[in-house]
Protein backbone atom coordinates (compact mmCIF):
# COMPACT_ATOMS: atom_id res chain seq x y z
CA UNK A 1 29.45 8.12 100.09
CA UNK A 2 32.81 7.31 98.54
CA UNK A 3 32.93 4.49 96.04
CA UNK A 4 36.09 2.45 95.85
CA UNK A 5 38.01 2.75 92.57
CA UNK A 6 38.06 -0.97 92.18
CA UNK A 7 34.34 -1.44 92.77
CA UNK A 8 32.17 -2.88 90.06
CA UNK A 9 30.50 0.46 89.37
CA UNK A 10 33.82 2.14 88.88
CA UNK A 11 34.98 -0.69 86.68
CA UNK A 12 32.31 0.10 84.04
CA UNK A 13 32.91 3.84 84.34
CA UNK A 14 36.61 3.36 83.72
CA UNK A 15 35.84 1.12 80.71
CA UNK A 16 33.63 3.73 79.09
CA UNK A 17 36.13 6.51 79.81
CA UNK A 18 39.09 4.62 78.33
CA UNK A 19 37.09 3.60 75.27
CA UNK A 20 36.05 7.19 74.56
CA UNK A 21 39.64 8.38 74.95
CA UNK A 22 40.90 5.69 72.57
CA UNK A 23 38.28 6.59 70.00
CA UNK A 24 39.31 10.26 70.14
CA UNK A 25 42.97 9.31 69.65
CA UNK A 26 42.17 7.13 66.62
CA UNK A 27 39.97 9.79 65.02
CA UNK A 28 42.57 12.50 65.63
CA UNK A 29 45.38 10.41 64.20
CA UNK A 30 43.31 9.56 61.15
CA UNK A 31 42.54 13.21 60.53
CA UNK A 32 46.21 14.17 60.77
CA UNK A 33 47.19 11.39 58.36
CA UNK A 34 44.52 12.38 55.86
CA UNK A 35 45.22 16.12 55.80
CA UNK A 36 49.03 15.82 56.01
CA UNK A 37 49.67 12.80 53.79
CA UNK A 38 46.79 11.94 51.53
CA UNK A 39 45.15 15.29 50.82
CA UNK A 40 48.14 17.13 49.26
CA UNK A 41 48.73 14.35 46.68
CA UNK A 42 45.18 14.04 45.47
CA UNK A 43 44.13 15.67 42.26
CA UNK A 44 40.86 17.49 42.34
CA UNK A 45 38.13 15.40 40.80
CA UNK A 46 37.08 16.59 37.40
CA UNK A 47 33.51 17.59 37.11
CA UNK A 48 31.66 15.35 34.73
CA UNK A 49 29.51 17.51 32.55
CA UNK A 50 25.90 16.54 32.49
CA UNK A 51 25.04 14.55 29.42
CA UNK A 52 23.48 16.79 26.83
CA UNK A 53 19.94 15.71 26.12
CA UNK A 54 19.46 14.65 22.50
CA UNK A 55 17.47 17.19 20.51
CA UNK A 56 13.93 16.13 19.86
CA UNK A 57 13.50 15.60 16.14
CA UNK A 58 10.38 17.21 14.75
CA UNK A 59 7.78 14.98 13.16
CA UNK A 60 8.42 14.51 9.42
CA UNK A 61 6.53 16.97 7.32
CA UNK A 62 3.92 15.53 4.93
CA UNK A 63 5.26 14.83 1.47
CA UNK A 64 4.41 17.47 -1.12
CA UNK A 65 1.43 16.53 -3.23
CA UNK A 66 2.70 15.95 -6.75
CA UNK A 67 -0.75 15.72 -8.31
CA UNK A 68 -3.12 17.95 -6.34
CA UNK A 69 -6.73 17.50 -7.27
CA UNK A 70 -8.29 20.15 -9.49
CA UNK A 71 -10.77 22.46 -7.86
CA UNK A 72 -14.31 21.80 -8.97
CA UNK A 73 -16.85 24.61 -8.85
CA UNK A 74 -20.38 23.69 -7.90
CA UNK A 75 -22.91 23.57 -5.12
CA UNK A 76 -21.86 22.37 -1.70
CA UNK A 77 -21.67 18.59 -1.60
CA UNK A 78 -23.54 16.54 0.94
CA UNK A 79 -21.65 15.68 4.12
CA UNK A 80 -19.77 12.43 3.73
CA UNK A 81 -20.65 9.48 5.96
CA UNK A 82 -17.95 7.82 8.10
CA UNK A 83 -15.66 5.60 6.04
CA UNK A 84 -16.88 2.35 7.58
CA UNK A 85 -20.50 3.35 6.91
CA UNK A 86 -20.04 4.66 3.38
CA UNK A 87 -21.10 1.61 1.32
CA UNK A 88 -24.75 2.66 0.83
CA UNK A 89 -23.81 6.18 -0.25
CA UNK A 90 -21.11 4.95 -2.65
CA UNK A 91 -23.27 2.26 -4.28
CA UNK A 92 -26.17 4.69 -4.66
CA UNK A 93 -23.91 7.28 -6.27
CA UNK A 94 -22.43 4.68 -8.63
CA UNK A 95 -25.91 3.51 -9.59
CA UNK A 96 -26.76 7.05 -10.66
CA UNK A 97 -23.79 6.99 -13.04
CA UNK A 98 -23.75 3.45 -14.47
CA UNK A 99 -27.18 2.13 -13.51
CA UNK A 100 -28.37 -0.04 -10.66
CA UNK A 101 -28.26 -3.22 -12.75
CA UNK A 102 -24.59 -2.74 -13.60
CA UNK A 103 -23.72 -2.04 -9.97
CA UNK A 104 -25.43 -5.27 -8.90
CA UNK A 105 -23.74 -7.20 -11.70
CA UNK A 106 -20.14 -6.06 -11.21
CA UNK A 107 -19.63 -4.39 -7.83
CA UNK A 108 -18.79 -6.12 -4.56
CA UNK A 109 -21.04 -4.02 -2.28
CA UNK A 110 -19.04 -4.35 0.95
CA UNK A 111 -16.06 -2.17 1.91
CA UNK A 112 -16.24 -0.48 -1.48
CA UNK A 113 -13.84 2.37 -0.84
CA UNK A 114 -11.36 0.38 1.21
CA UNK A 115 -11.28 -2.41 -1.38
CA UNK A 116 -10.89 0.08 -4.22
CA UNK A 117 -7.98 1.82 -2.51
CA UNK A 118 -6.10 -1.34 -1.55
CA UNK A 119 -6.59 -2.83 -5.03
CA UNK A 120 -5.26 0.29 -6.73
CA UNK A 121 -2.27 0.23 -4.40
CA UNK A 122 -1.61 -3.45 -5.17
CA UNK A 123 -1.96 -3.38 -8.97
CA UNK A 124 1.74 -2.56 -9.57
CA UNK A 125 2.73 -5.43 -7.26
CA UNK A 126 2.92 -9.12 -8.08
CA UNK A 127 -0.27 -10.07 -6.27
CA UNK A 128 -3.67 -8.53 -5.59
CA UNK A 129 -5.66 -9.76 -2.60
CA UNK A 130 -8.63 -11.54 -4.14
CA UNK A 131 -10.85 -11.08 -1.09
CA UNK A 132 -10.38 -7.30 -1.37
CA UNK A 133 -11.22 -6.81 -5.03
CA UNK A 134 -14.01 -4.24 -5.49
CA UNK A 135 -15.24 -5.91 -8.71
CA UNK A 136 -16.71 -9.40 -8.95
CA UNK A 137 -14.70 -11.98 -10.92
CA UNK A 138 -15.62 -12.37 -14.57
CA UNK A 139 -17.62 -15.49 -15.33
CA UNK A 140 -16.32 -18.69 -16.82
CA UNK A 141 -12.94 -20.39 -16.78
CA UNK A 142 -9.70 -19.25 -18.30
CA UNK A 143 -9.07 -21.30 -21.45
CA UNK A 144 -5.85 -22.37 -23.13
CA UNK A 145 -5.09 -23.80 -26.56
CA UNK A 146 -2.78 -26.81 -26.80
CA UNK A 147 -1.01 -27.50 -30.11
CA UNK A 148 1.47 -30.27 -29.51
CA UNK A 149 3.89 -29.11 -26.83
CA UNK A 150 2.88 -25.47 -27.25
CA UNK A 151 0.26 -23.95 -24.94
CA UNK A 152 -1.20 -20.51 -25.66
CA UNK A 153 -3.87 -18.36 -24.07
CA UNK A 154 -7.14 -18.85 -25.96
CA UNK A 155 -8.68 -15.79 -27.57
CA UNK A 156 -12.03 -17.06 -26.31
CA UNK A 157 -11.05 -15.61 -22.94
CA UNK A 158 -11.28 -12.07 -24.24
CA UNK A 159 -15.06 -12.28 -24.59
CA UNK A 160 -15.34 -12.97 -20.85
CA UNK A 161 -14.14 -9.43 -20.14
CA UNK A 162 -16.24 -7.75 -22.85
CA UNK A 163 -19.33 -6.85 -20.71
CA UNK A 164 -17.28 -5.02 -18.08
CA UNK A 165 -15.05 -3.40 -20.72
CA UNK A 166 -18.08 -2.12 -22.66
CA UNK A 167 -19.52 -0.63 -19.47
CA UNK A 168 -16.24 1.17 -18.74
CA UNK A 169 -15.98 2.38 -22.32
CA UNK A 170 -19.39 4.04 -22.37
CA UNK A 171 -19.08 5.57 -18.88
CA UNK A 172 -18.69 9.35 -18.91
CA UNK A 173 -15.34 10.23 -17.36
CA UNK A 174 -16.67 13.56 -16.10
CA UNK A 175 -19.29 11.78 -14.01
CA UNK A 176 -16.81 9.21 -12.71
CA UNK A 177 -14.32 11.98 -11.99
CA UNK A 178 -16.90 13.99 -10.08
CA UNK A 179 -17.71 10.90 -8.05
CA UNK A 180 -14.02 10.41 -7.34
CA UNK A 181 -13.65 14.00 -6.12
CA UNK A 182 -16.74 13.73 -3.94
CA UNK A 183 -15.55 10.64 -2.07
CA UNK A 184 -11.84 11.42 -2.21
CA UNK A 185 -11.55 12.38 1.50
CA UNK A 186 -12.70 8.87 2.42
CA UNK A 187 -10.25 7.36 -0.07
CA UNK A 188 -7.45 9.41 1.44
CA UNK A 189 -8.41 8.16 4.90
CA UNK A 190 -8.44 4.56 3.68
CA UNK A 191 -5.03 5.07 2.05
CA UNK A 192 -3.50 6.43 5.25
CA UNK A 193 -5.01 3.49 7.14
CA UNK A 194 -2.91 1.22 4.90
CA UNK A 195 0.21 2.74 6.44
CA UNK A 196 0.85 5.84 4.31
CA UNK A 197 0.43 8.82 6.67
CA UNK A 198 1.31 12.12 5.06
CA UNK A 199 1.07 10.66 1.54
CA UNK A 200 -1.67 11.20 -1.02
CA UNK A 201 -3.85 8.58 -2.65
CA UNK A 202 -4.29 10.71 -5.77
CA UNK A 203 -0.53 10.62 -6.30
CA UNK A 204 -0.62 6.84 -5.99
CA UNK A 205 -3.53 6.60 -8.43
CA UNK A 206 -1.63 8.60 -11.06
CA UNK A 207 1.47 6.49 -10.47
CA UNK A 208 -0.55 3.29 -10.93
CA UNK A 209 -2.22 4.60 -14.09
CA UNK A 210 1.18 5.41 -15.58
CA UNK A 211 2.36 1.92 -14.66
CA UNK A 212 -0.61 0.24 -16.33
CA UNK A 213 -0.13 2.29 -19.49
CA UNK A 214 3.28 0.66 -19.86
CA UNK A 215 1.69 -2.74 -20.42
CA UNK A 216 2.95 -4.09 -23.76
CA UNK A 217 0.45 -4.46 -26.59
CA UNK A 218 0.69 -8.10 -27.66
CA UNK A 219 -0.82 -8.97 -31.03
CA UNK A 220 0.03 -12.64 -31.46
CA UNK A 221 -0.76 -15.68 -29.34
CA UNK A 222 0.52 -15.51 -25.77
CA UNK A 223 2.51 -18.64 -24.98
CA UNK A 224 2.10 -20.24 -21.55
CA UNK A 225 3.81 -22.97 -19.57
CA UNK A 226 2.64 -25.17 -16.72
CA UNK A 227 3.62 -23.77 -13.34
CA UNK A 228 3.41 -25.44 -9.96
CA UNK A 229 -0.32 -24.82 -9.70
CA UNK A 230 -1.41 -22.44 -12.45
CA UNK A 231 -0.19 -21.71 -15.94
CA UNK A 232 2.51 -19.08 -16.22
CA UNK A 233 3.74 -16.94 -19.10
CA UNK A 234 6.51 -18.68 -21.00
CA UNK A 235 8.20 -15.32 -21.63
CA UNK A 236 10.11 -14.41 -18.41
CA UNK A 237 9.52 -10.71 -19.10
CA UNK A 238 5.75 -11.20 -19.12
CA UNK A 239 5.81 -13.51 -16.11
CA UNK A 240 7.74 -10.93 -14.07
CA UNK A 241 5.18 -8.20 -14.69
CA UNK A 242 2.76 -6.89 -12.10
CA UNK A 243 -0.72 -8.20 -11.35
CA UNK A 244 -2.27 -5.16 -13.04
CA UNK A 245 -0.31 -5.54 -16.26
CA UNK A 246 -1.02 -9.29 -16.38
CA UNK A 247 -4.72 -8.54 -16.08
CA UNK A 248 -4.56 -6.28 -19.14
CA UNK A 249 -2.64 -8.98 -21.02
CA UNK A 250 -5.26 -11.62 -20.17
CA UNK A 251 -8.16 -9.57 -21.49
CA UNK A 252 -6.65 -9.18 -24.97
CA UNK A 253 -5.23 -6.23 -26.90
CA UNK A 254 -8.57 -4.75 -28.01
CA UNK A 255 -10.05 -4.77 -24.52
CA UNK A 256 -6.80 -3.52 -23.03
CA UNK A 257 -6.70 -0.62 -25.52
CA UNK A 258 -10.17 0.47 -24.36
CA UNK A 259 -9.13 0.36 -20.72
CA UNK A 260 -5.93 2.28 -21.43
CA UNK A 261 -7.81 5.04 -23.23
CA UNK A 262 -10.20 5.38 -20.29
CA UNK A 263 -7.24 5.47 -17.88
CA UNK A 264 -5.73 8.34 -19.86
CA UNK A 265 -9.00 10.25 -19.59
CA UNK A 266 -9.12 9.61 -15.86
CA UNK A 267 -5.50 10.70 -15.45
CA UNK A 268 -6.22 13.97 -17.21
CA UNK A 269 -9.22 14.57 -14.99
CA UNK A 270 -7.50 13.93 -11.64
CA UNK A 271 -4.40 16.00 -12.39
CA UNK A 272 -4.05 19.70 -12.87
CA UNK A 273 -1.42 19.26 -15.59
CA UNK A 274 -2.89 18.54 -19.00
CA UNK A 275 -0.09 16.19 -19.97
CA UNK A 276 -2.11 13.43 -21.60
CA UNK A 277 0.31 10.47 -22.05
CA UNK A 278 0.96 9.56 -25.66
CA UNK A 279 -0.10 6.11 -26.85
CA UNK A 280 2.83 3.68 -27.08
CA UNK A 281 4.09 3.08 -30.60
CA UNK A 282 2.07 0.46 -32.42
CA UNK A 283 -0.98 0.63 -30.18
CA UNK A 284 -4.19 0.92 -32.15
CA UNK A 285 -7.37 2.62 -31.14
CA UNK A 286 -10.08 0.40 -29.69
CA UNK A 287 -13.09 -0.48 -31.75
CA UNK A 288 -16.15 1.63 -31.13
CA UNK A 289 -18.21 -1.43 -30.30
CA UNK A 290 -15.76 -2.64 -27.64
CA UNK A 291 -15.86 -6.19 -29.03
CA UNK A 292 -13.00 -8.44 -27.99
CA UNK A 293 -10.20 -9.26 -30.37
CA UNK A 294 -10.88 -11.89 -32.98
CA UNK A 295 -9.07 -15.19 -33.11
CA UNK A 296 -5.51 -15.10 -34.31
CA UNK A 297 -5.16 -16.11 -37.97
CA UNK A 298 -3.30 -19.29 -38.57
CA UNK A 299 -4.54 -21.19 -35.51
CA UNK A 300 -4.81 -24.92 -36.02
CA UNK A 301 -8.29 -26.16 -36.79
CA UNK A 302 -10.10 -27.87 -33.95
CA UNK A 303 -7.78 -26.75 -31.12
CA UNK A 304 -7.81 -28.60 -27.84
CA UNK A 305 -9.36 -25.97 -25.51
CA UNK A 306 -8.95 -26.71 -21.80
CA UNK A 307 -10.04 -24.72 -18.73
CA UNK A 308 -7.56 -23.61 -16.11
CA UNK A 309 -8.28 -24.50 -12.46
CA UNK A 310 -9.78 -21.04 -11.89
CA UNK A 311 -9.40 -17.44 -12.95
CA UNK A 312 -6.41 -16.84 -10.71
CA UNK A 313 -4.13 -18.16 -13.45
CA UNK A 314 -1.52 -15.64 -14.22
């Protein structure tokens, strides 16, 4: 059956046909324009090289050990306990060396190794964390002598340190050194836990010993001044010194000389080099009895002796 050209059906067929033809014309014209006009004038796009991946830096090598521990011949040591469970083993071993009574009198029995390591590390700094000291505070109050406007550290303070100093003086360094070697792996672990991976606690110990040996040997009265809270050293050079050196100054020259001699012995033990540091000029040998220094001649009779707020006075 023939369908008229102007029928509705043919109307839609013609619309589709004309639309398709128009689309082909537009596409063809666009292709001609692109290839004849645009394409010849375009520069080929430069290839962007792939970004080179940054080389992966290797992890830093551990620092060389400046003071390796000496090898100690002997029977195999007992296995060490975990660091956080080492207090009973350490206190028992110390009691075998210095006696149980002395351990109970002077040692803080918790976190012994961690407190020892952090205190050694802090001694050359300006402050030592009191709550982490491995040794109990000495008894009594720090005393000063007031003569008019002048305030000096009383020599009566030196006796407060005498019991601990005498114990250190009579302790055999070979026994203490052997104890140090036995528990050194735990000390090294505690040192790395402080934020020193790849470094060696024995190197730090030797460095701290050398620092403490530089403490000046003061013979006369030590003048103080009132600080914001505690007394301070009137001499800016003394006031600027580290917590460890100030401790040696507070205990008096005789006590400090005993401690320094023991530190030299310990340094010799824990290093392979036998370079025993020479005593600073003018430093005398400690007395065999370990008694604290006597009062300075020339002090005014009947001095006004006053306690400081506590033993944290610098």
